[in-house]
Amino acid sequence: MLRRGSLAKLKIELDKFGFNDYQAFLNSRLWFEFKDHFKKTQDCSYCRRCGSTNKVSFHHLSYKRLLDPRNIAILCDECHKWQHDKSPSIQDGIDDYVRLACQGKEKRK
């Protein structure tokens, strides 16, 4: 579920990178290269919400900054679905919680 204003932010971001829709962006080489780089610098082995190591994926905390590493949370499929299904009023607080939970979880070199 998109929050009010999120659709407009997403459209601006997609236009900036030359994509017509979000799915085209997610299937792009640009996104795959970003994810590869992210995986090299962050621990992507577990869900930041529940700790599960099963089927983790990338979640954009906001559609305003699609290629900002601080805008990505690693979530398992179950938590990712939950994140998108919950009401917008709850989503604001959870996005902040997930963002805070992800801080300091970077791989140390």
C-alpha atoms as a PDB file:
ATOM      1  CA  MET A   1       0.000   0.000   0.000  1.00  0.00           C
ATOM      2  CA  LEU A   2       1.459   3.358  -0.999  1.00  0.00           C
ATOM      3  CA  ARG A   3       1.260   6.254   1.422  1.00  0.00           C
ATOM      4  CA  ARG A   4      -0.158   9.565   0.274  1.00  0.00           C
ATOM      5  CA  GLY A   5       2.452  11.294  -1.825  1.00  0.00           C
ATOM      6  CA  SER A   6       4.515   8.122  -2.319  1.00  0.00           C
ATOM      7  CA  LEU A   7       3.194   7.547  -5.820  1.00  0.00           C
ATOM      8  CA  ALA A   8       4.281  11.036  -6.892  1.00  0.00           C
ATOM      9  CA  LYS A   9       7.724  10.532  -5.329  1.00  0.00           C
ATOM     10  CA  LEU A  10       8.064   7.184  -7.068  1.00  0.00           C
ATOM     11  CA  LYS A  11       7.132   8.723 -10.434  1.00  0.00           C
ATOM     12  CA  ILE A  12       9.757  11.457  -9.980  1.00  0.00           C
ATOM     13  CA  GLU A  13      12.448   8.892  -9.112  1.00  0.00           C
ATOM     14  CA  LEU A  14      11.530   6.591 -12.000  1.00  0.00           C
ATOM     15  CA  ASP A  15      11.549   9.513 -14.439  1.00  0.00           C
ATOM     16  CA  LYS A  16      14.964  10.587 -13.134  1.00  0.00           C
ATOM     17  CA  PHE A  17      16.417   7.184 -14.085  1.00  0.00           C
ATOM     18  CA  GLY A  18      14.410   6.843 -17.319  1.00  0.00           C
ATOM     19  CA  PHE A  19      11.952   4.106 -16.279  1.00  0.00           C
ATOM     20  CA  ASN A  20       8.234   4.009 -17.034  1.00  0.00           C
ATOM     21  CA  ASP A  21       7.267   1.897 -14.038  1.00  0.00           C
ATOM     22  CA  TYR A  22       8.614   0.403 -10.822  1.00  0.00           C
ATOM     23  CA  GLN A  23       8.759  -3.160 -12.172  1.00  0.00           C
ATOM     24  CA  ALA A  24      10.942  -2.017 -15.077  1.00  0.00           C
ATOM     25  CA  PHE A  25      13.287  -0.413 -12.532  1.00  0.00           C
ATOM     26  CA  LEU A  26      13.373  -3.603 -10.420  1.00  0.00           C
ATOM     27  CA  ASN A  27      14.273  -5.628 -13.531  1.00  0.00           C
ATOM     28  CA  SER A  28      16.963  -3.178 -14.649  1.00  0.00           C
ATOM     29  CA  ARG A  29      20.704  -3.648 -14.716  1.00  0.00           C
ATOM     30  CA  LEU A  30      20.972  -0.484 -12.606  1.00  0.00           C
ATOM     31  CA  TRP A  31      19.005  -2.092  -9.750  1.00  0.00           C
ATOM     32  CA  PHE A  32      20.890  -5.417 -10.013  1.00  0.00           C
ATOM     33  CA  GLU A  33      24.248  -3.615  -9.861  1.00  0.00           C
ATOM     34  CA  PHE A  34      23.056  -1.558  -6.889  1.00  0.00           C
ATOM     35  CA  LYS A  35      21.966  -4.734  -5.056  1.00  0.00           C
ATOM     36  CA  ASP A  36      25.286  -6.460  -5.817  1.00  0.00           C
ATOM     37  CA  HIS A  37      27.212  -3.519  -4.387  1.00  0.00           C
ATOM     38  CA  PHE A  38      24.889  -3.342  -1.367  1.00  0.00           C
ATOM     39  CA  LYS A  39      25.423  -7.059  -0.645  1.00  0.00           C
ATOM     40  CA  LYS A  40      29.200  -6.522  -0.639  1.00  0.00           C
ATOM     41  CA  THR A  41      28.977  -3.761   1.987  1.00  0.00           C
ATOM     42  CA  GLN A  42      26.016  -4.855   4.152  1.00  0.00           C
ATOM     43  CA  ASP A  43      25.044  -8.058   5.917  1.00  0.00           C
ATOM     44  CA  CYS A  44      22.013  -9.224   3.916  1.00  0.00           C
ATOM     45  CA  SER A  45      21.752 -12.663   5.494  1.00  0.00           C
ATOM     46  CA  TYR A  46      18.815 -12.063   7.858  1.00  0.00           C
ATOM     47  CA  CYS A  47      15.569 -10.114   8.219  1.00  0.00           C
ATOM     48  CA  ARG A  48      15.991  -6.884  10.189  1.00  0.00           C
ATOM     49  CA  ARG A  49      12.478  -7.202  11.618  1.00  0.00           C
ATOM     50  CA  CYS A  50      12.246 -10.826  12.812  1.00  0.00           C
ATOM     51  CA  GLY A  51      15.775 -12.205  12.373  1.00  0.00           C
ATOM     52  CA  SER A  52      14.771 -14.962   9.920  1.00  0.00           C
ATOM     53  CA  THR A  53      17.361 -16.104   7.402  1.00  0.00           C
ATOM     54  CA  ASN A  54      14.740 -17.561   5.011  1.00  0.00           C
ATOM     55  CA  LYS A  55      14.158 -15.822   1.668  1.00  0.00           C
ATOM     56  CA  VAL A  56      15.332 -12.310   2.520  1.00  0.00           C
ATOM     57  CA  SER A  57      14.806  -9.467   0.053  1.00  0.00           C
ATOM     58  CA  PHE A  58      15.254  -5.734  -0.360  1.00  0.00           C
ATOM     59  CA  HIS A  59      12.570  -3.310   0.819  1.00  0.00           C
ATOM     60  CA  HIS A  60      12.560   0.399  -0.046  1.00  0.00           C
ATOM     61  CA  LEU A  61      11.711   2.408   3.064  1.00  0.00           C
ATOM     62  CA  SER A  62      10.695   5.295   0.806  1.00  0.00           C
ATOM     63  CA  TYR A  63      10.146   5.682  -2.920  1.00  0.00           C
ATOM     64  CA  LYS A  64      11.894   9.042  -2.833  1.00  0.00           C
ATOM     65  CA  ARG A  65      15.476   7.705  -2.958  1.00  0.00           C
ATOM     66  CA  LEU A  66      15.531   4.399  -4.848  1.00  0.00           C
ATOM     67  CA  LEU A  67      19.320   4.060  -4.959  1.00  0.00           C
ATOM     68  CA  ASP A  68      20.182   5.284  -1.465  1.00  0.00           C
ATOM     69  CA  PRO A  69      21.621   2.467   0.708  1.00  0.00           C
ATOM     70  CA  ARG A  70      20.131   4.160   3.804  1.00  0.00           C
ATOM     71  CA  ASN A  71      16.716   3.672   2.195  1.00  0.00           C
ATOM     72  CA  ILE A  72      16.962  -0.141   2.050  1.00  0.00           C
ATOM     73  CA  ALA A  73      15.882  -2.679   4.646  1.00  0.00           C
ATOM     74  CA  ILE A  74      16.508  -6.403   4.380  1.00  0.00           C
ATOM     75  CA  LEU A  75      13.278  -8.268   5.161  1.00  0.00           C
ATOM     76  CA  CYS A  76      12.151 -11.881   4.847  1.00  0.00           C
ATOM     77  CA  ASP A  77       9.256 -12.525   2.461  1.00  0.00           C
ATOM     78  CA  GLU A  78       6.762 -12.727   5.326  1.00  0.00           C
ATOM     79  CA  CYS A  79       7.821  -9.412   6.898  1.00  0.00           C
ATOM     80  CA  HIS A  80       8.077  -7.784   3.465  1.00  0.00           C
ATOM     81  CA  LYS A  81       4.481  -8.754   2.696  1.00  0.00           C
ATOM     82  CA  TRP A  82       3.390  -7.571   6.146  1.00  0.00           C
ATOM     83  CA  GLN A  83       5.189  -4.266   5.587  1.00  0.00           C
ATOM     84  CA  HIS A  84       3.278  -3.626   2.361  1.00  0.00           C
ATOM     85  CA  ASP A  85      -0.097  -4.849   3.661  1.00  0.00           C
ATOM     86  CA  LYS A  86      -0.373  -2.817   6.846  1.00  0.00           C
ATOM     87  CA  SER A  87      -2.131   0.495   7.137  1.00  0.00           C
ATOM     88  CA  PRO A  88      -0.290   3.724   6.192  1.00  0.00           C
ATOM     89  CA  SER A  89      -0.535   5.174   9.700  1.00  0.00           C
ATOM     90  CA  ILE A  90       1.348   2.194  11.114  1.00  0.00           C
ATOM     91  CA  GLN A  91       3.770   2.104   8.191  1.00  0.00           C
ATOM     92  CA  ASP A  92       5.351   5.443   9.091  1.00  0.00           C
ATOM     93  CA  GLY A  93       6.393   4.212  12.530  1.00  0.00           C
ATOM     94  CA  ILE A  94       7.541   0.800  11.327  1.00  0.00           C
ATOM     95  CA  ASP A  95       9.636   2.294   8.527  1.00  0.00           C
ATOM     96  CA  ASP A  96      11.386   4.412  11.159  1.00  0.00           C
ATOM     97  CA  TYR A  97      11.822   1.318  13.365  1.00  0.00           C
ATOM     98  CA  VAL A  98      13.275  -0.742  10.503  1.00  0.00           C
ATOM     99  CA  ARG A  99      15.573   2.123   9.484  1.00  0.00           C
ATOM    100  CA  LEU A 100      16.904   2.403  13.062  1.00  0.00           C
ATOM    101  CA  ALA A 101      17.257  -1.373  13.357  1.00  0.00           C
ATOM    102  CA  CYS A 102      19.351  -1.413  10.182  1.00  0.00           C
ATOM    103  CA  GLN A 103      21.779   1.248  11.374  1.00  0.00           C
ATOM    104  CA  GLY A 104      25.001  -0.278  12.600  1.00  0.00           C
ATOM    105  CA  LYS A 105      24.346  -3.630  10.903  1.00  0.00           C
ATOM    106  CA  GLU A 106      26.924  -2.971   8.173  1.00  0.00           C
ATOM    107  CA  LYS A 107      29.710  -5.438   7.531  1.00  0.00           C
ATOM    108  CA  ARG A 108      33.001  -4.422   9.049  1.00  0.00           C
ATOM    109  CA  LYS A 109      35.947  -4.495   6.670  1.00  0.00           C
END
